[in-house]
Amino acid sequence: MHTVAVLALDGVIPFDLSAPVDTFGWARLPDGREAYEVKVCSPNGSADVLAGGFTIRAPYGLEALAEADTIVLPGVTEPPPVLPPGVTEALRSAAADGTRIASVCVGAFLFAATGLLDGLRATTHWIAAPDLAARYPRVTVDPDVLYVDNGQFLTSAGAAAALDMCLHMIRRDHGSAVAAQAARMAVMPLEREGGQAQFIAHDIPPAPAGAALEPLLTWLEDNCGEDLTLDRIADRAGMSTRTLNRRFREQTGTTPLQWLHRARVRRAQHLLETTAHPVELIATRTGFGSPTAFRERFRKVTGTSPQTYRRAFRSGRVPM
């Protein structure tokens, strides 16, 4: 079983700690087994750790880092310039052994303090990005993305972006079907359109949108293989196309058709992973007008071709 160690330092931000614990904990393999064993650890083993308005007791010490396949660094309220004794050494040793390491939000400050991010691109909460860039000039800070994947090392933006990054890692480890189920447990899309820019506060922030579009999104997901026009989607929602576009922007950060394209690509990824269907048939079943349109959209969303994706992610159990 893949082991995830979540390192809790004094002042750990509760959400940053719980997000990876829950997200990896929700992941289930196709046969129902847990995909990950999650261990919360601290520099002092079972000693209490301050976590905002309460304290926690981590059952594991730094030795858990040496045994982990993935290490997650949650943010702390006041990131120290020097990590507690033994932490830097443990993280650098794990990195040398090939362990995957990821940070959540301002946990990027802890990550950068080890020197492991030197020369790499990274992100953090947009409001903390200038400070991270100033404190660690050898790190290339990108404040406009939800997460950055450098292969072995990953960093995520603020708060809920931890879920995006964890789902991305689950997808890398076990494919989109397992990640999609974890996303459903988290009640969030497997992939969100856009980056942090859509969340940066403006002078007049939009009103909270709630979840009014959830039934429509479910319907779109279930029927994405059909010929769906903007007018047909608006009719289903019982609103004008103008209102539909506005509601979509408020609640998803994208347009109905862009959201539909991504839903179709997600369906195509599932078929590429779980079947031996030719690309032409998958293009038809996922609502794309032609194999060429499918390939172009798939590459735009995933950065690779359908065939390359299939070679990387298809289960060995799929019959030819």
C-alpha atoms as a PDB file:
ATOM      1  CA  MET A   1       0.000   0.000   0.000  1.00  0.00           C
ATOM      2  CA  HIS A   2       1.189   3.515  -0.835  1.00  0.00           C
ATOM      3  CA  THR A   3       2.049   5.336   2.390  1.00  0.00           C
ATOM      4  CA  VAL A   4       1.470   9.086   2.780  1.00  0.00           C
ATOM      5  CA  ALA A   5       3.130  10.897   5.686  1.00  0.00           C
ATOM      6  CA  VAL A   6       1.644  14.291   6.586  1.00  0.00           C
ATOM      7  CA  LEU A   7       4.068  16.360   8.665  1.00  0.00           C
ATOM      8  CA  ALA A   8       2.450  18.549  11.324  1.00  0.00           C
ATOM      9  CA  LEU A   9       4.632  21.312  12.778  1.00  0.00           C
ATOM     10  CA  ASP A  10       3.577  23.679  15.571  1.00  0.00           C
ATOM     11  CA  GLY A  11       1.109  26.228  14.221  1.00  0.00           C
ATOM     12  CA  VAL A  12      -0.129  23.861  11.502  1.00  0.00           C
ATOM     13  CA  ILE A  13      -3.168  25.185   9.641  1.00  0.00           C
ATOM     14  CA  PRO A  14      -5.999  22.717  10.369  1.00  0.00           C
ATOM     15  CA  PHE A  15      -7.433  22.671   6.843  1.00  0.00           C
ATOM     16  CA  ASP A  16      -4.002  22.180   5.289  1.00  0.00           C
ATOM     17  CA  LEU A  17      -3.531  19.174   7.555  1.00  0.00           C
ATOM     18  CA  SER A  18      -6.956  17.607   7.108  1.00  0.00           C
ATOM     19  CA  ALA A  19      -7.287  18.087   3.324  1.00  0.00           C
ATOM     20  CA  PRO A  20      -4.612  15.535   2.333  1.00  0.00           C
ATOM     21  CA  VAL A  21      -5.580  13.210   5.184  1.00  0.00           C
ATOM     22  CA  ASP A  22      -9.190  13.075   3.995  1.00  0.00           C
ATOM     23  CA  THR A  23      -8.548  13.138   0.233  1.00  0.00           C
ATOM     24  CA  PHE A  24      -6.056  10.267   0.260  1.00  0.00           C
ATOM     25  CA  GLY A  25      -8.209   8.498   2.830  1.00  0.00           C
ATOM     26  CA  TRP A  26     -11.229   8.583   0.501  1.00  0.00           C
ATOM     27  CA  ALA A  27      -9.381   6.893  -2.379  1.00  0.00           C
ATOM     28  CA  ARG A  28     -10.462   3.307  -3.028  1.00  0.00           C
ATOM     29  CA  LEU A  29      -9.089   0.839  -5.557  1.00  0.00           C
ATOM     30  CA  PRO A  30     -11.514  -0.890  -7.971  1.00  0.00           C
ATOM     31  CA  ASP A  31     -11.773  -3.887  -5.620  1.00  0.00           C
ATOM     32  CA  GLY A  32     -12.742  -1.622  -2.704  1.00  0.00           C
ATOM     33  CA  ARG A  33      -9.410  -1.668  -0.879  1.00  0.00           C
ATOM     34  CA  GLU A  34      -7.951   1.547   0.503  1.00  0.00           C
ATOM     35  CA  ALA A  35      -5.427   3.017  -1.907  1.00  0.00           C
ATOM     36  CA  TYR A  36      -3.315   4.776   0.727  1.00  0.00           C
ATOM     37  CA  GLU A  37      -2.205   4.467   4.309  1.00  0.00           C
ATOM     38  CA  VAL A  38      -2.039   7.978   5.766  1.00  0.00           C
ATOM     39  CA  LYS A  39       0.190   8.723   8.760  1.00  0.00           C
ATOM     40  CA  VAL A  40       0.288  12.062  10.584  1.00  0.00           C
ATOM     41  CA  CYS A  41       3.694  12.698  12.107  1.00  0.00           C
ATOM     42  CA  SER A  42       5.533  15.460  13.958  1.00  0.00           C
ATOM     43  CA  PRO A  43       9.151  16.190  14.958  1.00  0.00           C
ATOM     44  CA  ASN A  44       8.461  15.112  18.536  1.00  0.00           C
ATOM     45  CA  GLY A  45       6.451  11.972  17.913  1.00  0.00           C
ATOM     46  CA  SER A  46       3.427  11.782  20.191  1.00  0.00           C
ATOM     47  CA  ALA A  47       3.891  15.271  21.682  1.00  0.00           C
ATOM     48  CA  ASP A  48       1.085  17.807  21.276  1.00  0.00           C
ATOM     49  CA  VAL A  49       1.152  20.056  18.201  1.00  0.00           C
ATOM     50  CA  LEU A  50      -0.502  23.488  18.200  1.00  0.00           C
ATOM     51  CA  ALA A  51      -3.130  23.749  15.444  1.00  0.00           C
ATOM     52  CA  GLY A  52      -4.912  27.082  15.636  1.00  0.00           C
ATOM     53  CA  GLY A  53      -7.569  26.992  18.331  1.00  0.00           C
ATOM     54  CA  PHE A  54      -6.758  23.455  19.475  1.00  0.00           C
ATOM     55  CA  THR A  55      -3.936  20.940  19.756  1.00  0.00           C
ATOM     56  CA  ILE A  56      -3.434  17.595  18.053  1.00  0.00           C
ATOM     57  CA  ARG A  57      -1.321  14.599  18.925  1.00  0.00           C
ATOM     58  CA  ALA A  58       0.484  13.036  15.977  1.00  0.00           C
ATOM     59  CA  PRO A  59       1.022   9.309  16.510  1.00  0.00           C
ATOM     60  CA  TYR A  60       4.252   9.147  14.480  1.00  0.00           C
ATOM     61  CA  GLY A  61       7.651  10.823  14.567  1.00  0.00           C
ATOM     62  CA  LEU A  62      10.105  11.784  11.836  1.00  0.00           C
ATOM     63  CA  GLU A  63      10.933   8.123  11.258  1.00  0.00           C
ATOM     64  CA  ALA A  64       7.646   7.934   9.316  1.00  0.00           C
ATOM     65  CA  LEU A  65       9.161  10.182   6.641  1.00  0.00           C
ATOM     66  CA  ALA A  66      11.808   7.593   5.808  1.00  0.00           C
ATOM     67  CA  GLU A  67       9.115   4.932   5.327  1.00  0.00           C
ATOM     68  CA  ALA A  68       6.707   7.050   3.240  1.00  0.00           C
ATOM     69  CA  ASP A  69       6.146   6.987  -0.500  1.00  0.00           C
ATOM     70  CA  THR A  70       4.714  10.513  -0.394  1.00  0.00           C
ATOM     71  CA  ILE A  71       5.300  13.295   2.152  1.00  0.00           C
ATOM     72  CA  VAL A  72       2.905  16.231   2.469  1.00  0.00           C
ATOM     73  CA  LEU A  73       3.913  19.514   4.135  1.00  0.00           C
ATOM     74  CA  PRO A  74       0.874  21.493   5.364  1.00  0.00           C
ATOM     75  CA  GLY A  75       1.249  25.206   5.954  1.00  0.00           C
ATOM     76  CA  VAL A  76       1.805  26.817   9.354  1.00  0.00           C
ATOM     77  CA  THR A  77       0.613  30.204  10.555  1.00  0.00           C
ATOM     78  CA  GLU A  78       4.125  31.645  10.873  1.00  0.00           C
ATOM     79  CA  PRO A  79       6.557  29.782   8.604  1.00  0.00           C
ATOM     80  CA  PRO A  80       9.983  29.777  10.286  1.00  0.00           C
ATOM     81  CA  PRO A  81      13.125  30.532   8.277  1.00  0.00           C
ATOM     82  CA  VAL A  82      14.792  27.501   9.898  1.00  0.00           C
ATOM     83  CA  LEU A  83      12.902  24.231  10.341  1.00  0.00           C
ATOM     84  CA  PRO A  84      12.827  22.355  13.670  1.00  0.00           C
ATOM     85  CA  PRO A  85      15.835  20.113  14.371  1.00  0.00           C
ATOM     86  CA  GLY A  86      15.931  17.028  12.233  1.00  0.00           C
ATOM     87  CA  VAL A  87      13.198  18.061   9.786  1.00  0.00           C
ATOM     88  CA  THR A  88      15.407  19.376   6.976  1.00  0.00           C
ATOM     89  CA  GLU A  89      17.699  16.382   7.208  1.00  0.00           C
ATOM     90  CA  ALA A  90      14.762  13.943   7.164  1.00  0.00           C
ATOM     91  CA  LEU A  91      13.161  15.633   4.147  1.00  0.00           C
ATOM     92  CA  ARG A  92      16.391  15.848   2.172  1.00  0.00           C
ATOM     93  CA  SER A  93      17.165  12.215   2.932  1.00  0.00           C
ATOM     94  CA  ALA A  94      13.694  11.162   1.788  1.00  0.00           C
ATOM     95  CA  ALA A  95      14.085  13.220  -1.395  1.00  0.00           C
ATOM     96  CA  ALA A  96      17.412  11.547  -2.121  1.00  0.00           C
ATOM     97  CA  ASP A  97      15.653   8.182  -1.858  1.00  0.00           C
ATOM     98  CA  GLY A  98      13.103   9.287  -4.483  1.00  0.00           C
ATOM     99  CA  THR A  99      10.190  10.009  -2.128  1.00  0.00           C
ATOM    100  CA  ARG A 100       7.533  12.310  -3.583  1.00  0.00           C
ATOM    101  CA  ILE A 101       7.150  15.505  -1.541  1.00  0.00           C
ATOM    102  CA  ALA A 102       4.277  17.993  -1.809  1.00  0.00           C
ATOM    103  CA  SER A 103       3.409  21.176   0.046  1.00  0.00           C
ATOM    104  CA  VAL A 104       0.017  22.706   0.780  1.00  0.00           C
ATOM    105  CA  CYS A 105      -0.488  26.480   0.614  1.00  0.00           C
ATOM    106  CA  VAL A 106       2.196  28.267   2.685  1.00  0.00           C
ATOM    107  CA  GLY A 107       3.753  24.885   3.344  1.00  0.00           C
ATOM    108  CA  ALA A 108       5.816  25.944   0.308  1.00  0.00           C
ATOM    109  CA  PHE A 109       7.840  28.091   2.738  1.00  0.00           C
ATOM    110  CA  LEU A 110       8.758  24.962   4.706  1.00  0.00           C
ATOM    111  CA  PHE A 111       9.565  23.141   1.477  1.00  0.00           C
ATOM    112  CA  ALA A 112      11.717  26.003   0.185  1.00  0.00           C
ATOM    113  CA  ALA A 113      13.599  26.198   3.496  1.00  0.00           C
ATOM    114  CA  THR A 114      15.059  22.751   2.768  1.00  0.00           C
ATOM    115  CA  GLY A 115      16.637  23.987  -0.475  1.00  0.00           C
ATOM    116  CA  LEU A 116      14.846  21.263  -2.427  1.00  0.00           C
ATOM    117  CA  LEU A 117      12.863  23.788  -4.484  1.00  0.00           C
ATOM    118  CA  ASP A 118      15.929  25.749  -5.614  1.00  0.00           C
ATOM    119  CA  GLY A 119      15.856  26.175  -9.380  1.00  0.00           C
ATOM    120  CA  LEU A 120      12.300  24.869  -9.637  1.00  0.00           C
ATOM    121  CA  ARG A 121       8.898  26.420 -10.317  1.00  0.00           C
ATOM    122  CA  ALA A 122       6.523  26.473  -7.335  1.00  0.00           C
ATOM    123  CA  THR A 123       3.326  28.081  -6.100  1.00  0.00           C
ATOM    124  CA  THR A 124       1.665  29.048  -2.858  1.00  0.00           C
ATOM    125  CA  HIS A 125      -1.345  31.102  -1.771  1.00  0.00           C
ATOM    126  CA  TRP A 126      -1.499  34.149  -4.024  1.00  0.00           C
ATOM    127  CA  ILE A 127      -1.336  36.561  -1.096  1.00  0.00           C
ATOM    128  CA  ALA A 128       1.905  34.951   0.146  1.00  0.00           C
ATOM    129  CA  ALA A 129       3.556  34.556  -3.263  1.00  0.00           C
ATOM    130  CA  PRO A 130       5.539  37.849  -3.181  1.00  0.00           C
ATOM    131  CA  ASP A 131       6.924  36.973   0.255  1.00  0.00           C
ATOM    132  CA  LEU A 132       7.933  33.474  -0.887  1.00  0.00           C
ATOM    133  CA  ALA A 133       9.695  34.908  -3.946  1.00  0.00           C
ATOM    134  CA  ALA A 134      11.516  37.492  -1.830  1.00  0.00           C
ATOM    135  CA  ARG A 135      12.549  35.047   0.875  1.00  0.00           C
ATOM    136  CA  TYR A 136      13.670  32.324  -1.552  1.00  0.00           C
ATOM    137  CA  PRO A 137      14.895  34.029  -4.738  1.00  0.00           C
ATOM    138  CA  ARG A 138      16.216  30.748  -6.193  1.00  0.00           C
ATOM    139  CA  VAL A 139      12.638  29.455  -6.412  1.00  0.00           C
ATOM    140  CA  THR A 140      10.545  30.536  -9.424  1.00  0.00           C
ATOM    141  CA  VAL A 141       7.182  31.432  -7.878  1.00  0.00           C
ATOM    142  CA  ASP A 142       4.079  31.211 -10.084  1.00  0.00           C
ATOM    143  CA  PRO A 143       1.106  32.824  -8.284  1.00  0.00           C
ATOM    144  CA  ASP A 144      -1.442  32.109 -11.036  1.00  0.00           C
ATOM    145  CA  VAL A 145      -1.857  28.323 -10.840  1.00  0.00           C
ATOM    146  CA  LEU A 146      -3.607  25.895  -8.502  1.00  0.00           C
ATOM    147  CA  TYR A 147      -0.616  23.584  -8.229  1.00  0.00           C
ATOM    148  CA  VAL A 148       2.767  22.872  -9.800  1.00  0.00           C
ATOM    149  CA  ASP A 149       3.968  19.326 -10.512  1.00  0.00           C
ATOM    150  CA  ASN A 150       7.720  19.042 -11.027  1.00  0.00           C
ATOM    151  CA  GLY A 151       7.579  15.269 -11.032  1.00  0.00           C
ATOM    152  CA  GLN A 152       9.005  14.357  -7.615  1.00  0.00           C
ATOM    153  CA  PHE A 153       8.161  17.697  -5.996  1.00  0.00           C
ATOM    154  CA  LEU A 154       4.736  19.389  -6.008  1.00  0.00           C
ATOM    155  CA  THR A 155       3.365  22.595  -4.498  1.00  0.00           C
ATOM    156  CA  SER A 156      -0.224  23.800  -4.231  1.00  0.00           C
ATOM    157  CA  ALA A 157      -1.907  27.145  -3.818  1.00  0.00           C
ATOM    158  CA  GLY A 158      -4.171  28.142  -0.952  1.00  0.00           C
ATOM    159  CA  ALA A 159      -6.737  26.061   0.909  1.00  0.00           C
ATOM    160  CA  ALA A 160      -8.935  24.100  -1.519  1.00  0.00           C
ATOM    161  CA  ALA A 161      -6.120  23.873  -4.084  1.00  0.00           C
ATOM    162  CA  ALA A 162      -4.746  21.153  -1.797  1.00  0.00           C
ATOM    163  CA  LEU A 163      -7.655  19.008  -2.948  1.00  0.00           C
ATOM    164  CA  ASP A 164      -6.811  19.679  -6.598  1.00  0.00           C
ATOM    165  CA  MET A 165      -3.201  18.661  -6.030  1.00  0.00           C
ATOM    166  CA  CYS A 166      -4.061  15.537  -4.026  1.00  0.00           C
ATOM    167  CA  LEU A 167      -6.580  14.411  -6.647  1.00  0.00           C
ATOM    168  CA  HIS A 168      -3.904  14.976  -9.287  1.00  0.00           C
ATOM    169  CA  MET A 169      -1.506  12.722  -7.362  1.00  0.00           C
ATOM    170  CA  ILE A 170      -4.189  10.048  -6.941  1.00  0.00           C
ATOM    171  CA  ARG A 171      -4.802  10.211 -10.671  1.00  0.00           C
ATOM    172  CA  ARG A 172      -1.088   9.811 -11.348  1.00  0.00           C
ATOM    173  CA  ASP A 173      -0.917   6.822  -9.005  1.00  0.00           C
ATOM    174  CA  HIS A 174      -4.143   4.969  -9.825  1.00  0.00           C
ATOM    175  CA  GLY A 175      -5.845   6.539 -12.859  1.00  0.00           C
ATOM    176  CA  SER A 176      -8.818   8.816 -13.358  1.00  0.00           C
ATOM    177  CA  ALA A 177     -11.513   6.384 -12.176  1.00  0.00           C
ATOM    178  CA  VAL A 178     -10.058   6.153  -8.660  1.00  0.00           C
ATOM    179  CA  ALA A 179      -9.402   9.910  -8.601  1.00  0.00           C
ATOM    180  CA  ALA A 180     -12.923  10.686  -9.829  1.00  0.00           C
ATOM    181  CA  GLN A 181     -14.456   8.661  -6.998  1.00  0.00           C
ATOM    182  CA  ALA A 182     -12.314  10.524  -4.462  1.00  0.00           C
ATOM    183  CA  ALA A 183     -13.418  13.794  -6.086  1.00  0.00           C
ATOM    184  CA  ARG A 184     -17.062  12.794  -5.693  1.00  0.00           C
ATOM    185  CA  MET A 185     -16.443  12.098  -2.006  1.00  0.00           C
ATOM    186  CA  ALA A 186     -14.927  15.577  -1.732  1.00  0.00           C
ATOM    187  CA  VAL A 187     -17.926  17.031  -3.641  1.00  0.00           C
ATOM    188  CA  MET A 188     -15.711  18.823  -6.129  1.00  0.00           C
ATOM    189  CA  PRO A 189     -14.771  18.424  -9.797  1.00  0.00           C
ATOM    190  CA  LEU A 190     -11.792  16.271 -10.656  1.00  0.00           C
ATOM    191  CA  GLU A 191     -10.336  19.226 -12.542  1.00  0.00           C
ATOM    192  CA  ARG A 192     -11.087  22.914 -12.159  1.00  0.00           C
ATOM    193  CA  GLU A 193     -10.765  25.389 -14.994  1.00  0.00           C
ATOM    194  CA  GLY A 194      -8.323  28.231 -14.557  1.00  0.00           C
ATOM    195  CA  GLY A 195      -5.896  29.113 -11.795  1.00  0.00           C
ATOM    196  CA  GLN A 196      -5.652  31.300  -8.722  1.00  0.00           C
ATOM    197  CA  ALA A 197      -6.423  34.452 -10.669  1.00  0.00           C
ATOM    198  CA  GLN A 198     -10.136  33.669 -10.511  1.00  0.00           C
ATOM    199  CA  PHE A 199      -9.966  33.658  -6.691  1.00  0.00           C
ATOM    200  CA  ILE A 200      -7.935  36.821  -6.087  1.00  0.00           C
ATOM    201  CA  ALA A 201     -10.034  39.415  -4.248  1.00  0.00           C
ATOM    202  CA  HIS A 202     -11.232  42.384  -6.277  1.00  0.00           C
ATOM    203  CA  ASP A 203     -12.825  45.624  -5.092  1.00  0.00           C
ATOM    204  CA  ILE A 204     -16.332  44.173  -5.486  1.00  0.00           C
ATOM    205  CA  PRO A 205     -16.150  40.391  -4.995  1.00  0.00           C
ATOM    206  CA  PRO A 206     -18.958  38.287  -6.463  1.00  0.00           C
ATOM    207  CA  ALA A 207     -21.639  37.045  -4.099  1.00  0.00           C
ATOM    208  CA  PRO A 208     -21.311  33.420  -2.966  1.00  0.00           C
ATOM    209  CA  ALA A 209     -22.854  31.264  -5.659  1.00  0.00           C
ATOM    210  CA  GLY A 210     -23.852  28.194  -3.665  1.00  0.00           C
ATOM    211  CA  ALA A 211     -24.442  24.919  -5.484  1.00  0.00           C
ATOM    212  CA  ALA A 212     -27.491  25.734  -7.621  1.00  0.00           C
ATOM    213  CA  LEU A 213     -25.950  24.236 -10.769  1.00  0.00           C
ATOM    214  CA  GLU A 214     -25.165  20.852  -9.230  1.00  0.00           C
ATOM    215  CA  PRO A 215     -28.148  19.009 -10.841  1.00  0.00           C
ATOM    216  CA  LEU A 216     -27.281  20.484 -14.240  1.00  0.00           C
ATOM    217  CA  LEU A 217     -23.613  19.521 -13.885  1.00  0.00           C
ATOM    218  CA  THR A 218     -24.625  15.959 -13.040  1.00  0.00           C
ATOM    219  CA  TRP A 219     -26.890  15.869 -16.102  1.00  0.00           C
ATOM    220  CA  LEU A 220     -24.100  17.197 -18.308  1.00  0.00           C
ATOM    221  CA  GLU A 221     -21.694  14.590 -16.949  1.00  0.00           C
ATOM    222  CA  ASP A 222     -24.196  11.799 -17.624  1.00  0.00           C
ATOM    223  CA  ASN A 223     -25.072  13.023 -21.136  1.00  0.00           C
ATOM    224  CA  CYS A 224     -21.778  14.471 -22.350  1.00  0.00           C
ATOM    225  CA  GLY A 225     -21.685  11.967 -25.218  1.00  0.00           C
ATOM    226  CA  GLU A 226     -24.767  13.502 -26.820  1.00  0.00           C
ATOM    227  CA  ASP A 227     -24.937  16.453 -29.221  1.00  0.00           C
ATOM    228  CA  LEU A 228     -25.384  19.229 -26.654  1.00  0.00           C
ATOM    229  CA  THR A 229     -25.709  22.829 -27.792  1.00  0.00           C
ATOM    230  CA  LEU A 230     -25.759  25.878 -25.563  1.00  0.00           C
ATOM    231  CA  ASP A 231     -29.484  26.310 -26.276  1.00  0.00           C
ATOM    232  CA  ARG A 232     -30.235  22.732 -25.242  1.00  0.00           C
ATOM    233  CA  ILE A 233     -28.231  23.122 -22.016  1.00  0.00           C
ATOM    234  CA  ALA A 234     -30.061  26.378 -21.243  1.00  0.00           C
ATOM    235  CA  ASP A 235     -33.434  24.689 -21.861  1.00  0.00           C
ATOM    236  CA  ARG A 236     -32.482  21.922 -19.463  1.00  0.00           C
ATOM    237  CA  ALA A 237     -31.511  24.505 -16.844  1.00  0.00           C
ATOM    238  CA  GLY A 238     -34.726  26.493 -17.410  1.00  0.00           C
ATOM    239  CA  MET A 239     -32.943  29.773 -18.061  1.00  0.00           C
ATOM    240  CA  SER A 240     -31.752  31.934 -20.917  1.00  0.00           C
ATOM    241  CA  THR A 241     -28.328  31.324 -22.457  1.00  0.00           C
ATOM    242  CA  ARG A 242     -27.159  34.677 -21.092  1.00  0.00           C
ATOM    243  CA  THR A 243     -28.194  33.777 -17.542  1.00  0.00           C
ATOM    244  CA  LEU A 244     -26.708  30.313 -17.930  1.00  0.00           C
ATOM    245  CA  ASN A 245     -23.341  31.723 -18.972  1.00  0.00           C
ATOM    246  CA  ARG A 246     -23.372  34.153 -16.047  1.00  0.00           C
ATOM    247  CA  ARG A 247     -24.270  31.455 -13.507  1.00  0.00           C
ATOM    248  CA  PHE A 248     -21.593  29.154 -14.868  1.00  0.00           C
ATOM    249  CA  ARG A 249     -18.961  31.862 -14.582  1.00  0.00           C
ATOM    250  CA  GLU A 250     -19.986  32.545 -10.990  1.00  0.00           C
ATOM    251  CA  GLN A 251     -20.073  28.944  -9.864  1.00  0.00           C
ATOM    252  CA  THR A 252     -17.449  27.131 -11.965  1.00  0.00           C
ATOM    253  CA  GLY A 253     -15.172  29.859 -13.293  1.00  0.00           C
ATOM    254  CA  THR A 254     -15.770  28.780 -16.894  1.00  0.00           C
ATOM    255  CA  THR A 255     -18.451  28.573 -19.609  1.00  0.00           C
ATOM    256  CA  PRO A 256     -20.973  25.749 -20.102  1.00  0.00           C
ATOM    257  CA  LEU A 257     -19.326  24.573 -23.324  1.00  0.00           C
ATOM    258  CA  GLN A 258     -15.823  24.683 -21.855  1.00  0.00           C
ATOM    259  CA  TRP A 259     -17.063  22.678 -18.870  1.00  0.00           C
ATOM    260  CA  LEU A 260     -18.707  20.208 -21.270  1.00  0.00           C
ATOM    261  CA  HIS A 261     -15.471  19.816 -23.241  1.00  0.00           C
ATOM    262  CA  ARG A 262     -13.605  18.922 -20.065  1.00  0.00           C
ATOM    263  CA  ALA A 263     -16.315  16.473 -19.010  1.00  0.00           C
ATOM    264  CA  ARG A 264     -15.991  14.784 -22.400  1.00  0.00           C
ATOM    265  CA  VAL A 265     -12.231  14.580 -22.020  1.00  0.00           C
ATOM    266  CA  ARG A 266     -12.639  13.042 -18.562  1.00  0.00           C
ATOM    267  CA  ARG A 267     -14.993  10.441 -20.042  1.00  0.00           C
ATOM    268  CA  ALA A 268     -12.479   9.789 -22.822  1.00  0.00           C
ATOM    269  CA  GLN A 269      -9.697   9.320 -20.283  1.00  0.00           C
ATOM    270  CA  HIS A 270     -11.781   6.709 -18.500  1.00  0.00           C
ATOM    271  CA  LEU A 271     -12.404   4.842 -21.766  1.00  0.00           C
ATOM    272  CA  LEU A 272      -8.738   5.040 -22.737  1.00  0.00           C
ATOM    273  CA  GLU A 273      -7.779   3.566 -19.370  1.00  0.00           C
ATOM    274  CA  THR A 274     -10.405   0.853 -19.131  1.00  0.00           C
ATOM    275  CA  THR A 275     -11.110  -0.294 -22.707  1.00  0.00           C
ATOM    276  CA  ALA A 276      -9.303  -1.201 -25.908  1.00  0.00           C
ATOM    277  CA  HIS A 277     -11.745   0.844 -28.035  1.00  0.00           C
ATOM    278  CA  PRO A 278     -10.097   2.627 -30.979  1.00  0.00           C
ATOM    279  CA  VAL A 279      -9.733   6.373 -30.741  1.00  0.00           C
ATOM    280  CA  GLU A 280     -12.369   6.879 -33.452  1.00  0.00           C
ATOM    281  CA  LEU A 281     -15.007   5.046 -31.409  1.00  0.00           C
ATOM    282  CA  ILE A 282     -14.086   6.918 -28.228  1.00  0.00           C
ATOM    283  CA  ALA A 283     -14.409  10.211 -30.123  1.00  0.00           C
ATOM    284  CA  THR A 284     -17.965   9.242 -31.091  1.00  0.00           C
ATOM    285  CA  ARG A 285     -18.969   8.006 -27.654  1.00  0.00           C
ATOM    286  CA  THR A 286     -17.733  11.159 -25.944  1.00  0.00           C
ATOM    287  CA  GLY A 287     -19.600  13.603 -28.171  1.00  0.00           C
ATOM    288  CA  PHE A 288     -16.766  14.964 -30.288  1.00  0.00           C
ATOM    289  CA  GLY A 289     -17.658  15.598 -33.894  1.00  0.00           C
ATOM    290  CA  SER A 290     -14.618  13.859 -35.343  1.00  0.00           C
ATOM    291  CA  PRO A 291     -11.425  12.050 -34.281  1.00  0.00           C
ATOM    292  CA  THR A 292      -9.454  15.147 -35.285  1.00  0.00           C
ATOM    293  CA  ALA A 293     -11.536  17.417 -33.048  1.00  0.00           C
ATOM    294  CA  PHE A 294     -11.207  14.864 -30.242  1.00  0.00           C
ATOM    295  CA  ARG A 295      -7.416  14.672 -30.541  1.00  0.00           C
ATOM    296  CA  GLU A 296      -7.066  18.454 -30.620  1.00  0.00           C
ATOM    297  CA  ARG A 297      -9.280  18.986 -27.562  1.00  0.00           C
ATOM    298  CA  PHE A 298      -7.689  16.094 -25.664  1.00  0.00           C
ATOM    299  CA  ARG A 299      -4.196  17.473 -26.229  1.00  0.00           C
ATOM    300  CA  LYS A 300      -5.298  20.985 -25.260  1.00  0.00           C
ATOM    301  CA  VAL A 301      -6.708  19.760 -21.921  1.00  0.00           C
ATOM    302  CA  THR A 302      -4.186  17.065 -20.975  1.00  0.00           C
ATOM    303  CA  GLY A 303      -1.055  18.166 -22.807  1.00  0.00           C
ATOM    304  CA  THR A 304      -0.670  14.807 -24.552  1.00  0.00           C
ATOM    305  CA  SER A 305      -2.295  12.666 -27.241  1.00  0.00           C
ATOM    306  CA  PRO A 306      -4.961  10.002 -26.574  1.00  0.00           C
ATOM    307  CA  GLN A 307      -2.592   7.196 -27.574  1.00  0.00           C
ATOM    308  CA  THR A 308       0.221   8.460 -25.353  1.00  0.00           C
ATOM    309  CA  TYR A 309      -2.221   8.819 -22.477  1.00  0.00           C
ATOM    310  CA  ARG A 310      -3.476   5.265 -23.037  1.00  0.00           C
ATOM    311  CA  ARG A 311       0.048   3.837 -22.973  1.00  0.00           C
ATOM    312  CA  ALA A 312       0.755   5.632 -19.709  1.00  0.00           C
ATOM    313  CA  PHE A 313      -2.467   4.903 -17.826  1.00  0.00           C
ATOM    314  CA  ARG A 314      -4.267   1.865 -19.231  1.00  0.00           C
ATOM    315  CA  SER A 315      -4.531  -1.042 -16.831  1.00  0.00           C
ATOM    316  CA  GLY A 316      -2.687  -4.205 -17.800  1.00  0.00           C
ATOM    317  CA  ARG A 317      -5.926  -6.097 -17.188  1.00  0.00           C
ATOM    318  CA  VAL A 318      -7.739  -4.446 -20.132  1.00  0.00           C
ATOM    319  CA  PRO A 319      -8.296  -7.063 -22.869  1.00  0.00           C
ATOM    320  CA  MET A 320      -7.032  -6.252 -26.338  1.00  0.00           C
END
